[in-house]
Amino acid sequence: MIKINVESTETRQRMSKANKPYYKQTGWAYLVDRDGVEEPHPTKVEFMVEVSQTGQPLPLPKGRYTINPSSFRVDRFSGLEIGYLNLSPVREPVPKAS
């Protein structure tokens, strides 16, 4: 499971080739190498955020996330790829009462 930490709700506006605005938010991804060993430091990643009906960005709240399976699709060569990145909150286990 790839974990992504969101530490800020700040977004940045960008303009598409069609001159339409979209918004990006920053997170930190904890990636693994080919052997499945987690890298020692997180990698900065940017992802698009949804917008409200009035066009305002709806950033993800601060927290820990993972990539939702709905983010994956099959490309035209039958390869697996990530389409629109959909993140889901990581549910932290509730500590057991002693």
N, C-alpha and C. Protein backbone atom coordinates (compact mmCIF):
# COMPACT_ATOMS: atom_id res chain seq x y z
N MET A 1 0.85 -1.17 0.00
CA MET A 1 0.00 0.00 0.00
C MET A 1 0.90 1.24 0.00
N ILE A 2 0.67 2.14 -0.93
CA ILE A 2 1.39 3.40 -0.98
C ILE A 2 0.68 4.38 -0.06
N LYS A 3 1.45 4.95 0.88
CA LYS A 3 0.89 5.94 1.79
C LYS A 3 1.27 7.33 1.30
N ILE A 4 0.34 8.26 1.43
CA ILE A 4 0.58 9.65 1.06
C ILE A 4 0.13 10.53 2.22
N ASN A 5 1.05 11.37 2.70
CA ASN A 5 0.71 12.33 3.75
C ASN A 5 0.38 13.67 3.12
N VAL A 6 -0.73 14.24 3.55
CA VAL A 6 -1.10 15.59 3.14
C VAL A 6 -0.89 16.46 4.37
N GLU A 7 0.03 17.43 4.25
CA GLU A 7 0.40 18.26 5.39
C GLU A 7 -0.13 19.68 5.29
N SER A 8 -0.74 20.03 4.15
CA SER A 8 -1.25 21.38 3.95
C SER A 8 -2.48 21.33 3.05
N THR A 9 -3.43 22.20 3.31
CA THR A 9 -4.63 22.28 2.46
C THR A 9 -4.46 23.34 1.37
N GLU A 10 -3.26 23.89 1.26
CA GLU A 10 -2.99 24.90 0.23
C GLU A 10 -3.09 24.29 -1.16
N THR A 11 -3.68 25.02 -2.09
CA THR A 11 -3.76 24.58 -3.48
C THR A 11 -3.13 25.65 -4.37
N ARG A 12 -2.73 25.22 -5.56
CA ARG A 12 -2.19 26.13 -6.56
C ARG A 12 -3.02 26.01 -7.83
N GLN A 13 -3.37 27.16 -8.38
CA GLN A 13 -4.15 27.16 -9.61
C GLN A 13 -3.22 27.06 -10.81
N ARG A 14 -3.62 26.25 -11.77
CA ARG A 14 -2.92 26.11 -13.04
C ARG A 14 -3.95 26.34 -14.15
N MET A 15 -3.47 26.54 -15.35
CA MET A 15 -4.37 26.71 -16.49
C MET A 15 -4.12 25.59 -17.49
N SER A 16 -5.19 25.00 -17.97
CA SER A 16 -5.09 23.93 -18.96
C SER A 16 -4.78 24.54 -20.33
N LYS A 17 -4.49 23.67 -21.30
CA LYS A 17 -4.25 24.14 -22.67
C LYS A 17 -5.50 24.82 -23.24
N ALA A 18 -6.66 24.41 -22.73
CA ALA A 18 -7.92 25.01 -23.17
C ALA A 18 -8.23 26.28 -22.37
N ASN A 19 -7.24 26.76 -21.61
CA ASN A 19 -7.36 27.98 -20.82
C ASN A 19 -8.44 27.89 -19.74
N LYS A 20 -8.56 26.68 -19.14
CA LYS A 20 -9.49 26.48 -18.03
C LYS A 20 -8.67 26.22 -16.77
N PRO A 21 -9.09 26.79 -15.64
CA PRO A 21 -8.32 26.59 -14.41
C PRO A 21 -8.53 25.21 -13.81
N TYR A 22 -7.49 24.71 -13.19
CA TYR A 22 -7.57 23.51 -12.36
C TYR A 22 -6.64 23.73 -11.18
N TYR A 23 -6.79 22.91 -10.16
CA TYR A 23 -6.05 23.12 -8.91
C TYR A 23 -5.27 21.87 -8.53
N LYS A 24 -4.09 22.11 -7.96
CA LYS A 24 -3.25 21.01 -7.50
C LYS A 24 -2.91 21.21 -6.03
N GLN A 25 -2.73 20.08 -5.37
CA GLN A 25 -2.36 20.06 -3.96
C GLN A 25 -1.11 19.19 -3.82
N THR A 26 -0.32 19.43 -2.80
CA THR A 26 0.92 18.70 -2.59
C THR A 26 0.77 17.68 -1.48
N GLY A 27 1.41 16.54 -1.66
CA GLY A 27 1.49 15.51 -0.62
C GLY A 27 2.87 14.89 -0.66
N TRP A 28 3.11 13.98 0.26
CA TRP A 28 4.39 13.28 0.36
C TRP A 28 4.12 11.79 0.31
N ALA A 29 4.64 11.13 -0.76
CA ALA A 29 4.39 9.70 -0.98
C ALA A 29 5.54 8.88 -0.41
N TYR A 30 5.19 7.83 0.29
CA TYR A 30 6.17 6.87 0.82
C TYR A 30 6.21 5.70 -0.16
N LEU A 31 7.19 5.74 -1.05
CA LEU A 31 7.32 4.75 -2.11
C LEU A 31 8.20 3.58 -1.67
N VAL A 32 8.13 2.51 -2.43
CA VAL A 32 8.94 1.33 -2.15
C VAL A 32 9.79 1.02 -3.39
N ASP A 33 10.92 0.32 -3.15
CA ASP A 33 11.77 -0.07 -4.28
C ASP A 33 11.26 -1.37 -4.88
N ARG A 34 11.98 -1.91 -5.85
CA ARG A 34 11.55 -3.15 -6.54
C ARG A 34 11.45 -4.35 -5.61
N ASP A 35 12.15 -4.29 -4.49
CA ASP A 35 12.11 -5.39 -3.52
C ASP A 35 11.04 -5.18 -2.46
N GLY A 36 10.27 -4.10 -2.59
CA GLY A 36 9.21 -3.84 -1.63
C GLY A 36 9.68 -3.13 -0.37
N VAL A 37 10.92 -2.64 -0.37
CA VAL A 37 11.47 -1.95 0.79
C VAL A 37 11.12 -0.46 0.68
N GLU A 38 10.55 0.07 1.75
CA GLU A 38 10.16 1.48 1.72
C GLU A 38 11.39 2.38 1.62
N GLU A 39 11.30 3.38 0.75
CA GLU A 39 12.38 4.35 0.60
C GLU A 39 12.57 5.09 1.92
N PRO A 40 13.80 5.53 2.22
CA PRO A 40 14.05 6.17 3.52
C PRO A 40 13.40 7.54 3.68
N HIS A 41 13.08 8.21 2.56
CA HIS A 41 12.48 9.55 2.63
C HIS A 41 11.28 9.61 1.70
N PRO A 42 10.26 10.37 2.09
CA PRO A 42 9.09 10.52 1.21
C PRO A 42 9.44 11.36 -0.02
N THR A 43 8.64 11.19 -1.07
CA THR A 43 8.79 11.91 -2.32
C THR A 43 7.63 12.88 -2.48
N LYS A 44 7.96 14.13 -2.85
CA LYS A 44 6.92 15.15 -3.05
C LYS A 44 6.11 14.80 -4.30
N VAL A 45 4.79 14.83 -4.18
CA VAL A 45 3.90 14.56 -5.30
C VAL A 45 2.82 15.64 -5.34
N GLU A 46 2.31 15.90 -6.53
CA GLU A 46 1.20 16.82 -6.70
C GLU A 46 0.04 16.07 -7.32
N PHE A 47 -1.16 16.44 -6.92
CA PHE A 47 -2.34 15.79 -7.48
C PHE A 47 -3.45 16.83 -7.64
N MET A 48 -4.30 16.58 -8.62
CA MET A 48 -5.42 17.49 -8.87
C MET A 48 -6.48 17.32 -7.78
N VAL A 49 -7.13 18.42 -7.46
CA VAL A 49 -8.22 18.38 -6.48
C VAL A 49 -9.53 18.69 -7.18
N GLU A 50 -10.60 18.20 -6.59
CA GLU A 50 -11.92 18.46 -7.14
C GLU A 50 -12.28 19.93 -6.91
N VAL A 51 -13.24 20.40 -7.68
CA VAL A 51 -13.72 21.77 -7.50
C VAL A 51 -15.22 21.74 -7.19
N SER A 52 -15.66 22.77 -6.48
CA SER A 52 -17.08 22.88 -6.13
C SER A 52 -17.87 23.33 -7.35
N GLN A 53 -19.17 23.37 -7.22
CA GLN A 53 -20.03 23.82 -8.32
C GLN A 53 -19.77 25.28 -8.67
N THR A 54 -19.20 26.03 -7.72
CA THR A 54 -18.89 27.43 -7.97
C THR A 54 -17.45 27.60 -8.47
N GLY A 55 -16.74 26.49 -8.67
CA GLY A 55 -15.39 26.55 -9.22
C GLY A 55 -14.29 26.71 -8.19
N GLN A 56 -14.64 26.60 -6.90
CA GLN A 56 -13.63 26.73 -5.85
C GLN A 56 -12.98 25.37 -5.58
N PRO A 57 -11.67 25.35 -5.30
CA PRO A 57 -11.00 24.08 -5.03
C PRO A 57 -11.49 23.47 -3.72
N LEU A 58 -11.53 22.13 -3.70
CA LEU A 58 -11.92 21.38 -2.50
C LEU A 58 -10.73 20.52 -2.08
N PRO A 59 -9.75 21.13 -1.41
CA PRO A 59 -8.54 20.37 -1.06
C PRO A 59 -8.84 19.27 -0.04
N LEU A 60 -8.00 18.25 -0.07
CA LEU A 60 -8.11 17.20 0.94
C LEU A 60 -7.66 17.75 2.29
N PRO A 61 -8.30 17.34 3.37
CA PRO A 61 -7.83 17.75 4.69
C PRO A 61 -6.46 17.13 4.99
N LYS A 62 -5.74 17.72 5.92
CA LYS A 62 -4.48 17.14 6.36
C LYS A 62 -4.74 15.73 6.85
N GLY A 63 -3.81 14.83 6.58
CA GLY A 63 -3.98 13.46 7.03
C GLY A 63 -3.20 12.48 6.19
N ARG A 64 -3.42 11.19 6.49
CA ARG A 64 -2.77 10.11 5.77
C ARG A 64 -3.77 9.47 4.82
N TYR A 65 -3.28 9.18 3.60
CA TYR A 65 -4.13 8.64 2.55
C TYR A 65 -3.45 7.48 1.85
N THR A 66 -4.24 6.75 1.09
CA THR A 66 -3.73 5.72 0.20
C THR A 66 -4.47 5.85 -1.12
N ILE A 67 -3.92 5.25 -2.16
CA ILE A 67 -4.54 5.34 -3.49
C ILE A 67 -5.75 4.42 -3.55
N ASN A 68 -6.89 4.99 -3.88
CA ASN A 68 -8.12 4.22 -4.02
C ASN A 68 -8.06 3.40 -5.30
N PRO A 69 -8.53 2.14 -5.26
CA PRO A 69 -8.51 1.30 -6.47
C PRO A 69 -9.23 1.91 -7.67
N SER A 70 -10.16 2.85 -7.43
CA SER A 70 -10.86 3.48 -8.56
C SER A 70 -9.93 4.37 -9.38
N SER A 71 -8.72 4.62 -8.90
CA SER A 71 -7.74 5.45 -9.63
C SER A 71 -7.13 4.71 -10.81
N PHE A 72 -7.20 3.39 -10.81
CA PHE A 72 -6.53 2.60 -11.84
C PHE A 72 -7.45 2.34 -13.02
N ARG A 73 -6.83 2.28 -14.20
CA ARG A 73 -7.56 1.95 -15.43
C ARG A 73 -6.61 1.22 -16.37
N VAL A 74 -7.15 0.71 -17.45
CA VAL A 74 -6.36 0.00 -18.45
C VAL A 74 -6.18 0.93 -19.64
N ASP A 75 -4.92 1.07 -20.10
CA ASP A 75 -4.66 1.96 -21.23
C ASP A 75 -4.95 1.25 -22.55
N ARG A 76 -4.72 1.93 -23.65
CA ARG A 76 -5.05 1.38 -24.97
C ARG A 76 -4.17 0.20 -25.37
N PHE A 77 -3.07 -0.04 -24.64
CA PHE A 77 -2.19 -1.18 -24.91
C PHE A 77 -2.39 -2.30 -23.89
N SER A 78 -3.50 -2.23 -23.14
CA SER A 78 -3.87 -3.19 -22.10
C SER A 78 -2.95 -3.14 -20.89
N GLY A 79 -2.24 -2.04 -20.73
CA GLY A 79 -1.39 -1.85 -19.55
C GLY A 79 -2.17 -1.16 -18.45
N LEU A 80 -1.74 -1.37 -17.23
CA LEU A 80 -2.38 -0.75 -16.08
C LEU A 80 -1.76 0.62 -15.85
N GLU A 81 -2.60 1.64 -15.63
CA GLU A 81 -2.10 2.98 -15.37
C GLU A 81 -3.00 3.67 -14.36
N ILE A 82 -2.49 4.78 -13.81
CA ILE A 82 -3.29 5.58 -12.90
C ILE A 82 -3.93 6.69 -13.71
N GLY A 83 -5.24 6.81 -13.60
CA GLY A 83 -5.96 7.88 -14.26
C GLY A 83 -6.05 9.05 -13.30
N TYR A 84 -7.25 9.52 -13.01
CA TYR A 84 -7.46 10.58 -12.03
C TYR A 84 -7.16 10.00 -10.65
N LEU A 85 -6.22 10.60 -9.94
CA LEU A 85 -5.81 10.08 -8.64
C LEU A 85 -6.89 10.34 -7.60
N ASN A 86 -7.44 9.27 -7.07
CA ASN A 86 -8.47 9.33 -6.05
C ASN A 86 -7.86 8.79 -4.77
N LEU A 87 -7.76 9.62 -3.74
CA LEU A 87 -7.14 9.19 -2.48
C LEU A 87 -8.20 8.92 -1.43
N SER A 88 -7.95 7.89 -0.61
CA SER A 88 -8.84 7.53 0.49
C SER A 88 -8.10 7.67 1.80
N PRO A 89 -8.77 8.18 2.83
CA PRO A 89 -8.12 8.30 4.14
C PRO A 89 -7.70 6.93 4.66
N VAL A 90 -6.54 6.89 5.32
CA VAL A 90 -6.09 5.66 5.97
C VAL A 90 -6.76 5.63 7.32
N ARG A 91 -7.42 4.56 7.59
CA ARG A 91 -8.09 4.41 8.88
C ARG A 91 -7.09 3.87 9.88
N GLU A 92 -6.77 4.71 10.84
CA GLU A 92 -5.81 4.31 11.88
C GLU A 92 -6.52 3.35 12.85
N PRO A 93 -5.81 2.29 13.26
CA PRO A 93 -6.43 1.38 14.22
C PRO A 93 -6.70 2.09 15.55
N VAL A 94 -7.83 1.76 16.13
CA VAL A 94 -8.19 2.34 17.43
C VAL A 94 -7.41 1.60 18.51
N PRO A 95 -6.67 2.34 19.36
CA PRO A 95 -5.91 1.66 20.42
C PRO A 95 -6.86 0.91 21.36
N LYS A 96 -6.44 -0.28 21.75
CA LYS A 96 -7.25 -1.07 22.67
C LYS A 96 -7.10 -0.53 24.08
N ALA A 97 -8.21 -0.48 24.79
CA ALA A 97 -8.17 -0.02 26.18
C ALA A 97 -7.50 -1.08 27.04
N SER A 98 -6.67 -0.62 27.96
CA SER A 98 -5.99 -1.59 28.83
C SER A 98 -6.71 -1.79 30.12
